[in-house]
Amino acid sequence: MAETWSGEFYCVKCKEKREAEGEVKVNEKGTRMAKAVCPVCGTNLNRILGKV
């Protein structure tokens, strides 16, 4: 089961903060990132959560 994160993401296209729920991924440097989709425009959202 994948870890999820729910909270505010910044949408670059809408230029506003949006509430969304996204899946947490770990990149090659060990940084956790939440990835979601904007509920208004459908753009991919990313939020850096910090190191593991």
PDB file of N, CA and C in Angstrom:
ATOM      1  N   MET A   1       0.841  -1.187   0.000  1.00  0.00           N
ATOM      2  CA  MET A   1       0.000   0.000   0.000  1.00  0.00           C
ATOM      3  C   MET A   1       0.882   1.245   0.000  1.00  0.00           C
ATOM      4  N   ALA A   2       0.595   2.180  -0.878  1.00  0.00           N
ATOM      5  CA  ALA A   2       1.391   3.395  -0.999  1.00  0.00           C
ATOM      6  C   ALA A   2       0.982   4.410   0.076  1.00  0.00           C
ATOM      7  N   GLU A   3       1.960   5.166   0.515  1.00  0.00           N
ATOM      8  CA  GLU A   3       1.705   6.223   1.497  1.00  0.00           C
ATOM      9  C   GLU A   3       1.051   7.402   0.782  1.00  0.00           C
ATOM     10  N   THR A   4       0.068   8.022   1.428  1.00  0.00           N
ATOM     11  CA  THR A   4      -0.585   9.200   0.852  1.00  0.00           C
ATOM     12  C   THR A   4      -0.375  10.392   1.769  1.00  0.00           C
ATOM     13  N   TRP A   5      -0.510  11.588   1.188  1.00  0.00           N
ATOM     14  CA  TRP A   5      -0.370  12.831   1.943  1.00  0.00           C
ATOM     15  C   TRP A   5      -1.494  13.758   1.510  1.00  0.00           C
ATOM     16  N   SER A   6      -2.171  14.336   2.468  1.00  0.00           N
ATOM     17  CA  SER A   6      -3.279  15.236   2.182  1.00  0.00           C
ATOM     18  C   SER A   6      -2.956  16.613   2.748  1.00  0.00           C
ATOM     19  N   GLY A   7      -3.112  17.635   1.926  1.00  0.00           N
ATOM     20  CA  GLY A   7      -2.832  18.995   2.380  1.00  0.00           C
ATOM     21  C   GLY A   7      -2.836  19.975   1.232  1.00  0.00           C
ATOM     22  N   GLU A   8      -2.157  21.101   1.424  1.00  0.00           N
ATOM     23  CA  GLU A   8      -2.131  22.149   0.417  1.00  0.00           C
ATOM     24  C   GLU A   8      -0.991  21.952  -0.561  1.00  0.00           C
ATOM     25  N   PHE A   9      -1.324  22.083  -1.826  1.00  0.00           N
ATOM     26  CA  PHE A   9      -0.356  22.105  -2.911  1.00  0.00           C
ATOM     27  C   PHE A   9      -0.501  23.457  -3.594  1.00  0.00           C
ATOM     28  N   TYR A  10       0.568  23.967  -4.219  1.00  0.00           N
ATOM     29  CA  TYR A  10       0.487  25.209  -4.987  1.00  0.00           C
ATOM     30  C   TYR A  10       0.364  24.851  -6.451  1.00  0.00           C
ATOM     31  N   CYS A  11      -0.707  25.303  -7.097  1.00  0.00           N
ATOM     32  CA  CYS A  11      -0.908  25.066  -8.526  1.00  0.00           C
ATOM     33  C   CYS A  11      -0.287  26.212  -9.299  1.00  0.00           C
ATOM     34  N   VAL A  12       0.688  25.886 -10.151  1.00  0.00           N
ATOM     35  CA  VAL A  12       1.392  26.900 -10.933  1.00  0.00           C
ATOM     36  C   VAL A  12       0.476  27.486 -12.002  1.00  0.00           C
ATOM     37  N   LYS A  13      -0.400  26.680 -12.562  1.00  0.00           N
ATOM     38  CA  LYS A  13      -1.292  27.149 -13.617  1.00  0.00           C
ATOM     39  C   LYS A  13      -2.381  28.074 -13.069  1.00  0.00           C
ATOM     40  N   CYS A  14      -3.012  27.699 -11.943  1.00  0.00           N
ATOM     41  CA  CYS A  14      -4.063  28.517 -11.320  1.00  0.00           C
ATOM     42  C   CYS A  14      -3.477  29.664 -10.489  1.00  0.00           C
ATOM     43  N   LYS A  15      -2.210  29.508 -10.065  1.00  0.00           N
ATOM     44  CA  LYS A  15      -1.525  30.463  -9.185  1.00  0.00           C
ATOM     45  C   LYS A  15      -2.247  30.611  -7.843  1.00  0.00           C
ATOM     46  N   GLU A  16      -2.743  29.472  -7.323  1.00  0.00           N
ATOM     47  CA  GLU A  16      -3.420  29.441  -6.030  1.00  0.00           C
ATOM     48  C   GLU A  16      -3.087  28.142  -5.317  1.00  0.00           C
ATOM     49  N   LYS A  17      -3.261  28.159  -3.985  1.00  0.00           N
ATOM     50  CA  LYS A  17      -3.091  26.936  -3.208  1.00  0.00           C
ATOM     51  C   LYS A  17      -4.381  26.139  -3.287  1.00  0.00           C
ATOM     52  N   ARG A  18      -4.226  24.822  -3.462  1.00  0.00           N
ATOM     53  CA  ARG A  18      -5.370  23.931  -3.574  1.00  0.00           C
ATOM     54  C   ARG A  18      -5.225  22.773  -2.594  1.00  0.00           C
ATOM     55  N   GLU A  19      -6.339  22.349  -2.014  1.00  0.00           N
ATOM     56  CA  GLU A  19      -6.360  21.165  -1.155  1.00  0.00           C
ATOM     57  C   GLU A  19      -6.456  19.941  -2.057  1.00  0.00           C
ATOM     58  N   ALA A  20      -5.569  18.985  -1.842  1.00  0.00           N
ATOM     59  CA  ALA A  20      -5.583  17.753  -2.626  1.00  0.00           C
ATOM     60  C   ALA A  20      -4.938  16.641  -1.820  1.00  0.00           C
ATOM     61  N   GLU A  21      -5.127  15.408  -2.279  1.00  0.00           N
ATOM     62  CA  GLU A  21      -4.503  14.251  -1.664  1.00  0.00           C
ATOM     63  C   GLU A  21      -3.651  13.580  -2.728  1.00  0.00           C
ATOM     64  N   GLY A  22      -2.393  13.292  -2.363  1.00  0.00           N
ATOM     65  CA  GLY A  22      -1.489  12.715  -3.335  1.00  0.00           C
ATOM     66  C   GLY A  22      -0.659  11.587  -2.786  1.00  0.00           C
ATOM     67  N   GLU A  23      -0.057  10.839  -3.689  1.00  0.00           N
ATOM     68  CA  GLU A  23       0.790   9.712  -3.339  1.00  0.00           C
ATOM     69  C   GLU A  23       2.210  10.202  -3.060  1.00  0.00           C
ATOM     70  N   VAL A  24       2.844   9.642  -2.031  1.00  0.00           N
ATOM     71  CA  VAL A  24       4.200  10.034  -1.656  1.00  0.00           C
ATOM     72  C   VAL A  24       5.209   9.146  -2.380  1.00  0.00           C
ATOM     73  N   LYS A  25       6.163   9.788  -3.051  1.00  0.00           N
ATOM     74  CA  LYS A  25       7.253   9.093  -3.748  1.00  0.00           C
ATOM     75  C   LYS A  25       8.569   9.560  -3.144  1.00  0.00           C
ATOM     76  N   VAL A  26       9.607   8.728  -3.249  1.00  0.00           N
ATOM     77  CA  VAL A  26      10.945   9.089  -2.787  1.00  0.00           C
ATOM     78  C   VAL A  26      11.840   9.168  -4.018  1.00  0.00           C
ATOM     79  N   ASN A  27      12.502  10.332  -4.208  1.00  0.00           N
ATOM     80  CA  ASN A  27      13.372  10.461  -5.378  1.00  0.00           C
ATOM     81  C   ASN A  27      14.752   9.875  -5.100  1.00  0.00           C
ATOM     82  N   GLU A  28      15.652   9.948  -6.076  1.00  0.00           N
ATOM     83  CA  GLU A  28      16.972   9.319  -5.956  1.00  0.00           C
ATOM     84  C   GLU A  28      17.853   9.936  -4.869  1.00  0.00           C
ATOM     85  N   LYS A  29      17.561  11.154  -4.447  1.00  0.00           N
ATOM     86  CA  LYS A  29      18.330  11.799  -3.375  1.00  0.00           C
ATOM     87  C   LYS A  29      17.766  11.486  -1.994  1.00  0.00           C
ATOM     88  N   GLY A  30      16.650  10.774  -1.932  1.00  0.00           N
ATOM     89  CA  GLY A  30      16.040  10.423  -0.653  1.00  0.00           C
ATOM     90  C   GLY A  30      15.014  11.424  -0.162  1.00  0.00           C
ATOM     91  N   THR A  31      14.632  12.385  -0.999  1.00  0.00           N
ATOM     92  CA  THR A  31      13.640  13.382  -0.619  1.00  0.00           C
ATOM     93  C   THR A  31      12.244  12.849  -0.903  1.00  0.00           C
ATOM     94  N   ARG A  32      11.348  13.002   0.059  1.00  0.00           N
ATOM     95  CA  ARG A  32       9.957  12.580  -0.126  1.00  0.00           C
ATOM     96  C   ARG A  32       9.187  13.684  -0.839  1.00  0.00           C
ATOM     97  N   MET A  33       8.417  13.305  -1.857  1.00  0.00           N
ATOM     98  CA  MET A  33       7.613  14.256  -2.617  1.00  0.00           C
ATOM     99  C   MET A  33       6.201  13.709  -2.758  1.00  0.00           C
ATOM    100  N   ALA A  34       5.211  14.566  -2.532  1.00  0.00           N
ATOM    101  CA  ALA A  34       3.821  14.190  -2.746  1.00  0.00           C
ATOM    102  C   ALA A  34       3.419  14.663  -4.129  1.00  0.00           C
ATOM    103  N   LYS A  35       2.769  13.782  -4.888  1.00  0.00           N
ATOM    104  CA  LYS A  35       2.317  14.116  -6.235  1.00  0.00           C
ATOM    105  C   LYS A  35       0.815  13.951  -6.294  1.00  0.00           C
ATOM    106  N   ALA A  36       0.127  14.970  -6.839  1.00  0.00           N
ATOM    107  CA  ALA A  36      -1.333  14.955  -6.939  1.00  0.00           C
ATOM    108  C   ALA A  36      -1.754  15.646  -8.229  1.00  0.00           C
ATOM    109  N   VAL A  37      -3.055  15.773  -8.425  1.00  0.00           N
ATOM    110  CA  VAL A  37      -3.626  16.450  -9.587  1.00  0.00           C
ATOM    111  C   VAL A  37      -4.526  17.571  -9.085  1.00  0.00           C
ATOM    112  N   CYS A  38      -4.419  18.751  -9.699  1.00  0.00           N
ATOM    113  CA  CYS A  38      -5.243  19.902  -9.318  1.00  0.00           C
ATOM    114  C   CYS A  38      -6.707  19.577  -9.591  1.00  0.00           C
ATOM    115  N   PRO A  39      -7.592  19.746  -8.578  1.00  0.00           N
ATOM    116  CA  PRO A  39      -9.009  19.442  -8.776  1.00  0.00           C
ATOM    117  C   PRO A  39      -9.721  20.424  -9.706  1.00  0.00           C
ATOM    118  N   VAL A  40      -9.129  21.595  -9.978  1.00  0.00           N
ATOM    119  CA  VAL A  40      -9.776  22.608 -10.817  1.00  0.00           C
ATOM    120  C   VAL A  40      -9.349  22.489 -12.277  1.00  0.00           C
ATOM    121  N   CYS A  41      -8.021  22.485 -12.524  1.00  0.00           N
ATOM    122  CA  CYS A  41      -7.533  22.525 -13.910  1.00  0.00           C
ATOM    123  C   CYS A  41      -6.902  21.221 -14.391  1.00  0.00           C
ATOM    124  N   GLY A  42      -6.616  20.274 -13.492  1.00  0.00           N
ATOM    125  CA  GLY A  42      -6.065  18.990 -13.898  1.00  0.00           C
ATOM    126  C   GLY A  42      -4.552  18.951 -14.046  1.00  0.00           C
ATOM    127  N   THR A  43      -3.851  20.018 -13.662  1.00  0.00           N
ATOM    128  CA  THR A  43      -2.391  20.065 -13.737  1.00  0.00           C
ATOM    129  C   THR A  43      -1.779  19.195 -12.646  1.00  0.00           C
ATOM    130  N   ASN A  44      -0.631  18.589 -12.947  1.00  0.00           N
ATOM    131  CA  ASN A  44       0.083  17.804 -11.938  1.00  0.00           C
ATOM    132  C   ASN A  44       0.653  18.729 -10.874  1.00  0.00           C
ATOM    133  N   LEU A  45       0.509  18.332  -9.605  1.00  0.00           N
ATOM    134  CA  LEU A  45       1.007  19.115  -8.478  1.00  0.00           C
ATOM    135  C   LEU A  45       2.095  18.333  -7.760  1.00  0.00           C
ATOM    136  N   ASN A  46       3.121  19.028  -7.290  1.00  0.00           N
ATOM    137  CA  ASN A  46       4.195  18.418  -6.514  1.00  0.00           C
ATOM    138  C   ASN A  46       4.396  19.215  -5.242  1.00  0.00           C
ATOM    139  N   ARG A  47       4.709  18.496  -4.162  1.00  0.00           N
ATOM    140  CA  ARG A  47       5.033  19.155  -2.893  1.00  0.00           C
ATOM    141  C   ARG A  47       6.201  18.401  -2.270  1.00  0.00           C
ATOM    142  N   ILE A  48       7.265  19.116  -1.946  1.00  0.00           N
ATOM    143  CA  ILE A  48       8.445  18.514  -1.319  1.00  0.00           C
ATOM    144  C   ILE A  48       8.185  18.408   0.174  1.00  0.00           C
ATOM    145  N   LEU A  49       8.336  17.209   0.725  1.00  0.00           N
ATOM    146  CA  LEU A  49       8.041  16.959   2.147  1.00  0.00           C
ATOM    147  C   LEU A  49       9.293  16.863   2.999  1.00  0.00           C
ATOM    148  N   GLY A  50      10.448  16.650   2.417  1.00  0.00           N
ATOM    149  CA  GLY A  50      11.684  16.555   3.190  1.00  0.00           C
ATOM    150  C   GLY A  50      12.314  15.176   3.094  1.00  0.00           C
ATOM    151  N   LYS A  51      13.457  15.025   3.698  1.00  0.00           N
ATOM    152  CA  LYS A  51      14.181  13.748   3.641  1.00  0.00           C
ATOM    153  C   LYS A  51      13.522  12.699   4.522  1.00  0.00           C
ATOM    154  N   VAL A  52      13.798  11.454   4.209  1.00  0.00           N
ATOM    155  CA  VAL A  52      13.233  10.318   4.948  1.00  0.00           C
ATOM    156  C   VAL A  52      13.868  10.219   6.308  1.00  0.00           C
TER     157      VAL A  52
END
